[in-house]
C-alpha cells in the first residue's frame, strides 16, 4: 500500500456517507460513488425519518454501540449546522408480560440506563396524543429521539467533501476487481485503482454476493395528517414502538402486529405503520421490487391508527415502500470479503442500520485503514460467522 492509502466507498447511503466522512476526518484520500443522488429515497433510508432507541429490545450488547452512535449523531449535527436529531426521547408501549417490554427493561438495566415506567393514566397525561390501553405500561427512554434521514446523509457527505473527499453521484460501479497491486474499480465506464474498497450498497449487496444469506425486504411506510388538537412537533412527541396487541387463543395469551409511529419533521403529519417482520423478506431480486403500496395494505394500516393515536385523520395522505437487506440471523455484515482481497463490506443491516450509521461508518474506516475491530464487532458482524456456525444460506 502507499503511505497514504486511497479508499473507495461504493454506496453513499446512511452508512456509506458516514464511512466516507470518517475516512476524510482521518486524512485518508477517499472517493465516494453513489448510483443515485446524494440523500436519495431509493434505499433503506427512505421515508424522511427514523426512530432512535437506546434501550434496545434487539439485545443489551447493542446498547454501548448505540450510545457511541448517539455521541456521533450530536457531533454531526453540531459540525454540519443542520437539524438532524430531535432529542425528544422514545416511548415503548406494551403489555407488561410481553417480550418487548421485558427485553427493553432488561437492556436498560444491564447497561445502567435511566428510564421511566408509567401506567396508562400517567402516560395519557404526559402525552395525550397517544392512546394507552388499561393494563399497558409505557417505558420512556430519555436518550432516544427522531433522526432525519436524508438530511443526515447530505450532512455527512458535505463534511467529507469539505475535507477533500471526492464525490461521484449518479455513477454506478459496474466492476470491482481485486489484484496484486490493489483493487480496480470501474465506475461510469472509467477504471481506477484503490488500496481498499468499502462496499456499502445496502440491499444491492445481493448483486455482488448473491450466495450470501441476505434477502431483500420491503418496508412500507404511511403518513397521516394531524388535526391540530395536539402538538405533534418532533421536539415534543417522541417516536413510539408499540408491542403486539394482546388477545387470547383459548387460555393462551396471543399477540397481533406491532406498530410504530413518529411525528413528521414539520409537525403536521405523523408516520405510522406495522412493524415489519424480518423473516418475511423474500427471495426476489432488488430489481423486481415495486414501490407502489396496495390499497389493501393501506386500509390495513388505516384501520389501526385511531386505536393508537389521537388527533389524527384516519386516511393516509402518503404511502411508499423502501428496500432493505436482511441477513438470516438479523445481524449486519461488516468485515473483509475473504475471496476479494482489499474489499470489505458494510451491508445487510437488518433494521439496525440508520440509528447506528455513524458507528458503523467508524468501523468501515477501521477496516479500510487496518485498525483492529472490537471483539463484539468481529463476533456479531463478521461475514465469517456463517463459516464458523455453518449457517445455511
Protein backbone atom coordinates (compact mmCIF):
# COMPACT_ATOMS: atom_id res chain seq x y z
CA UNK A 1 0.00 0.00 0.00
CA UNK A 2 1.03 3.61 -0.46
CA UNK A 3 1.97 5.70 2.56
CA UNK A 4 -1.38 7.50 2.25
CA UNK A 5 -3.94 4.85 1.31
CA UNK A 6 -6.65 5.53 -1.21
CA UNK A 7 -10.10 4.18 -0.37
CA UNK A 8 -13.27 3.96 -2.43
CA UNK A 9 -16.69 3.82 -0.81
CA UNK A 10 -19.33 2.24 -3.04
CA UNK A 11 -22.77 3.44 -1.97
CA UNK A 12 -23.33 6.74 -0.16
CA UNK A 13 -26.46 5.97 1.81
CA UNK A 14 -26.52 6.27 5.58
CA UNK A 15 -23.55 4.02 6.40
CA UNK A 16 -21.53 4.73 3.24
CA UNK A 17 -21.71 8.51 3.73
CA UNK A 18 -20.68 8.12 7.38
CA UNK A 19 -17.77 5.88 6.40
CA UNK A 20 -16.64 8.41 3.79
CA UNK A 21 -16.79 11.18 6.39
CA UNK A 22 -14.85 9.10 8.93
CA UNK A 23 -12.14 8.37 6.36
CA UNK A 24 -11.86 12.03 5.36
CA UNK A 25 -11.54 13.06 9.01
CA UNK A 26 -8.57 10.68 9.30
CA UNK A 27 -6.85 12.33 6.35
CA UNK A 28 -7.45 9.39 4.01
CA UNK A 29 -7.78 10.05 0.28
CA UNK A 30 -11.39 8.86 -0.01
CA UNK A 31 -13.64 8.66 -3.07
CA UNK A 32 -17.38 8.01 -2.84
CA UNK A 33 -19.60 6.57 -5.57
CA UNK A 34 -23.41 6.63 -5.49
CA UNK A 35 -25.58 5.19 -8.26
CA UNK A 36 -28.36 7.69 -7.44
CA UNK A 37 -28.33 11.20 -5.97
CA UNK A 38 -26.98 12.09 -2.52
CA UNK A 39 -29.70 11.66 0.10
CA UNK A 40 -31.99 9.82 -2.32
CA UNK A 41 -35.07 7.87 -1.23
CA UNK A 42 -34.37 4.65 -3.15
CA UNK A 43 -32.83 2.53 -0.40
CA UNK A 44 -33.18 1.65 3.27
CA UNK A 45 -33.01 5.29 4.44
CA UNK A 46 -36.10 6.38 2.52
CA UNK A 47 -39.05 7.97 4.26
CA UNK A 48 -37.60 11.10 5.91
CA UNK A 49 -37.18 9.90 9.49
CA UNK A 50 -36.13 7.02 11.74
CA UNK A 51 -36.54 6.50 15.47
CA UNK A 52 -33.52 6.38 17.76
CA UNK A 53 -33.73 3.99 20.73
CA UNK A 54 -31.08 3.26 23.34
CA UNK A 55 -32.87 0.67 25.48
CA UNK A 56 -32.65 -1.84 22.71
CA UNK A 57 -35.09 -4.74 22.50
CA UNK A 58 -32.81 -6.48 19.98
CA UNK A 59 -30.17 -7.13 22.64
CA UNK A 60 -28.34 -5.44 25.54
CA UNK A 61 -24.98 -5.91 23.79
CA UNK A 62 -26.03 -3.24 21.29
CA UNK A 63 -26.52 -0.51 23.91
CA UNK A 64 -22.85 0.62 24.19
CA UNK A 65 -22.70 0.79 20.39
CA UNK A 66 -25.87 2.86 20.29
CA UNK A 67 -24.57 5.25 22.94
CA UNK A 68 -21.42 5.75 20.87
CA UNK A 69 -23.59 6.37 17.82
CA UNK A 70 -25.54 8.95 19.82
CA UNK A 71 -22.35 10.88 20.55
CA UNK A 72 -21.51 10.83 16.86
CA UNK A 73 -25.01 11.97 15.86
CA UNK A 74 -24.73 15.00 18.12
CA UNK A 75 -21.25 15.72 16.77
CA UNK A 76 -22.50 15.51 13.18
CA UNK A 77 -25.38 17.87 13.95
CA UNK A 78 -23.04 20.41 15.54
CA UNK A 79 -20.41 20.23 12.80
CA UNK A 80 -22.90 20.38 9.94
CA UNK A 81 -25.08 23.15 11.33
CA UNK A 82 -28.14 21.14 10.20
CA UNK A 83 -31.01 19.92 12.36
CA UNK A 84 -30.67 16.14 12.35
CA UNK A 85 -31.56 14.75 15.79
CA UNK A 86 -34.70 15.72 17.71
CA UNK A 87 -33.92 14.64 21.28
CA UNK A 88 -37.50 14.04 22.37
CA UNK A 89 -36.97 10.62 23.92
CA UNK A 90 -38.63 7.37 22.90
CA UNK A 91 -41.74 5.54 24.09
CA UNK A 92 -42.15 1.76 24.24
CA UNK A 93 -45.72 0.68 24.94
CA UNK A 94 -46.89 -2.82 25.67
CA UNK A 95 -48.36 -5.45 27.91
CA UNK A 96 -46.07 -5.87 30.95
CA UNK A 97 -45.89 -9.61 30.22
CA UNK A 98 -44.78 -9.12 26.60
CA UNK A 99 -41.31 -9.96 25.36
CA UNK A 100 -40.96 -6.40 24.07
CA UNK A 101 -41.38 -4.79 27.49
CA UNK A 102 -39.28 -7.39 29.29
CA UNK A 103 -36.40 -7.12 26.80
CA UNK A 104 -36.39 -3.32 26.75
CA UNK A 105 -36.24 -3.18 30.55
CA UNK A 106 -33.53 -5.85 30.61
CA UNK A 107 -31.36 -3.97 28.10
CA UNK A 108 -31.71 -0.78 30.15
CA UNK A 109 -30.94 -2.43 33.47
CA UNK A 110 -27.93 -4.40 32.23
CA UNK A 111 -26.38 -1.21 30.85
CA UNK A 112 -27.36 1.12 33.71
CA UNK A 113 -29.62 3.31 31.57
CA UNK A 114 -32.04 5.62 33.33
CA UNK A 115 -35.67 5.25 32.28
CA UNK A 116 -39.22 5.86 33.49
CA UNK A 117 -42.11 3.40 33.55
CA UNK A 118 -45.64 4.85 33.54
CA UNK A 119 -49.09 3.40 33.77
CA UNK A 120 -51.79 4.29 31.25
CA UNK A 121 -53.14 7.27 33.20
CA UNK A 122 -49.73 8.86 33.73
CA UNK A 123 -48.74 8.36 30.09
CA UNK A 124 -52.03 9.86 28.85
CA UNK A 125 -51.43 12.94 30.98
CA UNK A 126 -47.91 13.41 29.64
CA UNK A 127 -48.67 12.52 26.01
CA UNK A 128 -52.37 12.94 25.19
CA UNK A 129 -51.53 12.23 21.52
CA UNK A 130 -51.08 8.56 22.44
CA UNK A 131 -53.80 6.08 23.28
CA UNK A 132 -52.64 3.77 26.04
CA UNK A 133 -54.89 0.87 26.93
CA UNK A 134 -55.68 -0.09 30.53
CA UNK A 135 -53.10 -2.54 31.78
CA UNK A 136 -50.38 -1.44 29.39
CA UNK A 137 -47.14 0.16 30.56
CA UNK A 138 -45.11 2.87 28.87
CA UNK A 139 -41.32 2.98 29.06
CA UNK A 140 -39.76 6.40 28.47
CA UNK A 141 -36.21 6.26 27.08
CA UNK A 142 -34.89 9.76 27.69
CA UNK A 143 -31.87 9.28 25.40
CA UNK A 144 -33.96 8.45 22.35
CA UNK A 145 -35.40 10.69 19.67
CA UNK A 146 -36.03 11.22 15.99
CA UNK A 147 -33.41 11.24 13.22
CA UNK A 148 -33.81 12.95 9.85
CA UNK A 149 -32.51 10.50 7.27
CA UNK A 150 -31.96 12.36 4.00
CA UNK A 151 -30.58 15.47 5.69
CA UNK A 152 -28.15 13.33 7.70
CA UNK A 153 -26.73 11.72 4.58
CA UNK A 154 -26.31 15.13 2.96
CA UNK A 155 -24.65 16.46 6.13
CA UNK A 156 -22.09 13.63 6.30
CA UNK A 157 -21.34 13.90 2.58
CA UNK A 158 -20.85 17.68 2.78
CA UNK A 159 -18.39 17.31 5.65
CA UNK A 160 -16.47 14.61 3.77
CA UNK A 161 -16.37 16.83 0.70
CA UNK A 162 -15.12 19.79 2.76
CA UNK A 163 -12.24 17.55 3.87
CA UNK A 164 -11.29 16.84 0.25
CA UNK A 165 -13.19 13.60 -0.26
CA UNK A 166 -14.20 13.09 -3.88
CA UNK A 167 -17.93 12.57 -4.54
CA UNK A 168 -19.44 10.94 -7.64
CA UNK A 169 -23.27 10.87 -7.54
CA UNK A 170 -25.27 9.22 -10.32
CA UNK A 171 -22.28 6.97 -11.00
CA UNK A 172 -22.85 3.23 -10.98
CA UNK A 173 -19.98 0.92 -10.09
CA UNK A 174 -20.09 -1.97 -12.53
CA UNK A 175 -16.99 -3.93 -11.56
CA UNK A 176 -14.77 -4.46 -8.52
CA UNK A 177 -11.64 -6.42 -9.41
CA UNK A 178 -9.02 -7.22 -6.74
CA UNK A 179 -5.43 -7.63 -7.89
CA UNK A 180 -1.86 -7.81 -6.68
CA UNK A 181 -1.42 -4.03 -6.81
CA UNK A 182 -4.75 -3.05 -5.22
CA UNK A 183 -8.38 -3.09 -6.25
CA UNK A 184 -9.55 -1.89 -9.64
CA UNK A 185 -12.98 -0.30 -9.66
CA UNK A 186 -14.94 0.50 -12.80
CA UNK A 187 -17.44 3.33 -12.34
CA UNK A 188 -19.16 5.32 -15.04
CA UNK A 189 -17.07 3.49 -17.61
CA UNK A 190 -13.79 4.66 -16.01
CA UNK A 191 -11.29 2.32 -14.29
CA UNK A 192 -9.48 3.45 -11.13
CA UNK A 193 -7.20 1.67 -8.69
CA UNK A 194 -7.58 1.87 -4.91
CA UNK A 195 -5.80 0.37 -1.94
CA UNK A 196 -9.12 -0.60 -0.35
CA UNK A 197 -12.79 -0.62 -1.33
CA UNK A 198 -15.70 -0.45 1.10
CA UNK A 199 -18.94 -1.81 -0.33
CA UNK A 200 -21.88 -0.11 1.40
CA UNK A 201 -24.60 -0.78 -1.13
CA UNK A 202 -27.39 -1.81 1.23
CA UNK A 203 -29.73 -4.41 -0.32
CA UNK A 204 -27.80 -4.12 -3.59
CA UNK A 205 -25.11 -6.26 -1.92
CA UNK A 206 -27.14 -9.20 -3.27
CA UNK A 207 -25.85 -8.37 -6.74
CA UNK A 208 -22.19 -8.56 -5.69
CA UNK A 209 -22.55 -11.59 -3.41
CA UNK A 210 -25.72 -13.48 -4.39
CA UNK A 211 -24.55 -16.53 -2.45
CA UNK A 212 -24.61 -14.69 0.90
CA UNK A 213 -27.58 -15.21 3.28
CA UNK A 214 -29.06 -11.78 2.57
CA UNK A 215 -32.65 -11.29 1.46
CA UNK A 216 -34.23 -8.15 0.10
CA UNK A 217 -37.01 -6.89 2.37
CA UNK A 218 -39.72 -4.35 1.62
CA UNK A 219 -40.65 -1.77 4.24
CA UNK A 220 -43.94 0.08 3.79
CA UNK A 221 -44.43 3.48 5.43
CA UNK A 222 -47.64 5.53 5.72
CA UNK A 223 -48.25 9.19 6.58
CA UNK A 224 -51.37 10.72 8.12
CA UNK A 225 -52.44 14.33 8.64
CA UNK A 226 -52.81 15.55 12.22
CA UNK A 227 -55.92 17.60 13.04
CA UNK A 228 -54.36 20.27 15.26
CA UNK A 229 -55.87 19.11 18.55
CA UNK A 230 -52.50 18.03 19.94
CA UNK A 231 -48.87 19.01 19.44
CA UNK A 232 -47.21 16.59 17.03
CA UNK A 233 -43.95 18.51 16.59
CA UNK A 234 -40.86 16.28 16.66
CA UNK A 235 -39.39 18.13 19.65
CA UNK A 236 -42.50 17.34 21.72
CA UNK A 237 -43.80 13.89 20.76
CA UNK A 238 -41.29 11.03 20.89
CA UNK A 239 -41.24 8.17 18.39
CA UNK A 240 -43.26 5.20 19.61
CA UNK A 241 -42.82 1.45 19.35
CA UNK A 242 -45.90 -0.40 20.48
CA UNK A 243 -45.87 -4.09 21.22
CA UNK A 244 -48.24 -6.59 19.75
CA UNK A 245 -51.81 -6.11 20.92
CA UNK A 246 -52.73 -8.77 23.49
CA UNK A 247 -55.58 -11.17 22.95
CA UNK A 248 -56.30 -14.78 23.81
CA UNK A 249 -56.48 -18.03 21.90
CA UNK A 250 -58.19 -20.31 24.40
CA UNK A 251 -56.37 -19.61 27.64
CA UNK A 252 -53.09 -18.70 25.91
CA UNK A 253 -52.22 -15.04 25.51
CA UNK A 254 -51.57 -14.21 21.83
CA UNK A 255 -50.43 -11.03 20.11
CA UNK A 256 -51.31 -9.11 16.97
CA UNK A 257 -48.92 -6.96 14.89
CA UNK A 258 -46.57 -4.43 16.47
CA UNK A 259 -46.89 -0.84 15.29
CA UNK A 260 -44.52 2.11 15.14
CA UNK A 261 -45.15 5.83 14.80
CA UNK A 262 -43.18 9.06 14.73
CA UNK A 263 -44.04 12.70 14.09
CA UNK A 264 -43.29 14.28 10.75
CA UNK A 265 -40.44 16.82 10.63
CA UNK A 266 -42.93 19.69 10.18
CA UNK A 267 -45.29 18.60 12.97
CA UNK A 268 -48.25 18.50 10.57
CA UNK A 269 -48.21 14.77 9.93
CA UNK A 270 -47.35 11.51 11.62
CA UNK A 271 -45.76 8.40 10.12
CA UNK A 272 -47.44 5.20 11.24
CA UNK A 273 -47.22 1.58 10.21
CA UNK A 274 -46.98 -2.06 11.06
CA UNK A 275 -43.56 -3.13 12.23
CA UNK A 276 -42.07 -5.33 9.54
CA UNK A 277 -41.46 -9.00 10.05
CA UNK A 278 -37.81 -9.54 9.16
CA UNK A 279 -38.47 -13.17 8.37
CA UNK A 280 -40.87 -12.10 5.62
CA UNK A 281 -38.05 -10.90 3.38
CA UNK A 282 -38.28 -12.92 0.20
CA UNK A 283 -36.04 -14.31 -2.49
CA UNK A 284 -36.75 -11.69 -5.15
CA UNK A 285 -34.06 -9.61 -6.80
CA UNK A 286 -33.73 -5.96 -5.89
CA UNK A 287 -34.75 -5.23 -9.48
CA UNK A 288 -38.10 -7.00 -9.02
CA UNK A 289 -39.43 -4.84 -6.22
CA UNK A 290 -42.36 -2.47 -6.66
CA UNK A 291 -42.56 0.71 -4.57
CA UNK A 292 -46.32 1.04 -5.02
CA UNK A 293 -48.29 0.22 -1.85
CA UNK A 294 -51.54 -1.62 -2.45
CA UNK A 295 -54.87 -0.24 -1.33
CA UNK A 296 -55.39 -3.37 0.75
CA UNK A 297 -52.21 -2.73 2.73
CA UNK A 298 -53.05 0.95 3.18
CA UNK A 299 -56.50 0.10 4.54
CA UNK A 300 -54.96 -2.41 6.94
CA UNK A 301 -52.87 0.39 8.45
CA UNK A 302 -55.71 2.92 8.40
CA UNK A 303 -57.81 0.50 10.44
CA UNK A 304 -55.31 0.59 13.30
CA UNK A 305 -54.30 4.22 13.62
CA UNK A 306 -57.18 5.52 15.75
CA UNK A 307 -56.61 2.68 18.20
CA UNK A 308 -53.12 4.05 18.76
CA UNK A 309 -53.14 7.84 18.29
CA UNK A 310 -55.44 10.78 18.98
CA UNK A 311 -55.85 13.86 16.82
CA UNK A 312 -55.12 12.10 13.51
CA UNK A 313 -57.33 11.86 10.43
CA UNK A 314 -57.52 8.13 9.56
CA UNK A 315 -56.89 8.34 5.84
CA UNK A 316 -53.31 8.02 4.62
CA UNK A 317 -52.07 11.08 2.74
CA UNK A 318 -49.00 9.21 1.50
CA UNK A 319 -47.77 5.62 1.32
CA UNK A 320 -44.45 4.43 -0.01
CA UNK A 321 -42.22 1.38 0.09
CA UNK A 322 -38.46 1.12 0.52
CA UNK A 323 -35.93 -1.71 0.29
CA UNK A 324 -33.67 -3.10 2.96
CA UNK A 325 -31.26 -6.01 3.23
CA UNK A 326 -31.96 -8.61 5.91
CA UNK A 327 -29.48 -11.29 6.97
CA UNK A 328 -30.85 -14.63 8.14
CA UNK A 329 -29.72 -14.01 11.74
CA UNK A 330 -30.83 -10.32 11.67
CA UNK A 331 -27.28 -9.06 12.27
CA UNK A 332 -25.30 -6.83 9.88
CA UNK A 333 -22.45 -7.96 7.65
CA UNK A 334 -19.36 -5.91 8.45
CA UNK A 335 -15.86 -7.14 7.67
CA UNK A 336 -13.45 -8.26 4.95
CA UNK A 337 -14.75 -10.22 1.97
CA UNK A 338 -12.38 -13.18 2.05
CA UNK A 339 -12.48 -14.02 -1.66
CA UNK A 340 -11.98 -10.35 -2.62
CA UNK A 341 -8.69 -9.13 -1.07
CA UNK A 342 -8.73 -5.44 -0.29
CA UNK A 343 -12.54 -5.28 -0.26
CA UNK A 344 -14.75 -5.01 2.84
CA UNK A 345 -18.50 -5.00 3.25
CA UNK A 346 -20.90 -2.82 5.24
CA UNK A 347 -24.37 -4.15 4.42
CA UNK A 348 -27.32 -6.31 5.45
CA UNK A 349 -28.18 -4.08 8.39
CA UNK A 350 -31.47 -5.87 9.07
CA UNK A 351 -33.19 -2.88 10.64
CA UNK A 352 -30.20 -1.78 12.74
CA UNK A 353 -28.61 0.46 10.12
CA UNK A 354 -29.72 4.05 10.40
CA UNK A 355 -29.57 4.64 14.13
CA UNK A 356 -26.12 3.03 14.23
CA UNK A 357 -24.87 4.53 10.95
CA UNK A 358 -22.15 6.79 12.43
CA UNK A 359 -20.79 3.90 14.48
CA UNK A 360 -20.86 1.55 11.50
CA UNK A 361 -19.12 4.28 9.46
CA UNK A 362 -16.29 4.29 12.00
CA UNK A 363 -16.00 0.51 11.65
CA UNK A 364 -15.72 0.95 7.89
CA UNK A 365 -12.90 3.44 8.28
CA UNK A 366 -11.18 0.99 10.66
CA UNK A 367 -11.47 -1.82 8.11
CA UNK A 368 -10.02 0.34 5.33
CA UNK A 369 -7.07 1.53 7.39
CA UNK A 370 -6.11 -1.71 9.15
CA UNK A 371 -7.41 -0.83 12.61
CA UNK A 372 -8.41 -3.93 14.56
CA UNK A 373 -12.15 -4.15 15.14
CA UNK A 374 -13.63 -4.65 18.60
CA UNK A 375 -14.45 -8.13 19.85
CA UNK A 376 -18.19 -7.56 19.55
CA UNK A 377 -17.88 -6.25 16.00
CA UNK A 378 -15.99 -9.36 14.91
CA UNK A 379 -18.18 -11.81 16.84
CA UNK A 380 -21.56 -10.42 15.83
CA UNK A 381 -20.99 -8.71 12.48
CA UNK A 382 -18.22 -10.58 10.63
CA UNK A 383 -19.33 -12.39 7.45
CA UNK A 384 -17.09 -15.23 8.61
CA UNK A 385 -19.59 -16.12 11.34
CA UNK A 386 -21.52 -18.19 8.83
CA UNK A 387 -18.44 -20.27 8.13
CA UNK A 388 -17.95 -20.76 11.88
CA UNK A 389 -21.58 -21.63 12.60
CA UNK A 390 -22.34 -23.48 9.42
CA UNK A 391 -25.44 -21.36 8.80
CA UNK A 392 -27.32 -22.47 5.71
CA UNK A 393 -27.74 -19.51 3.36
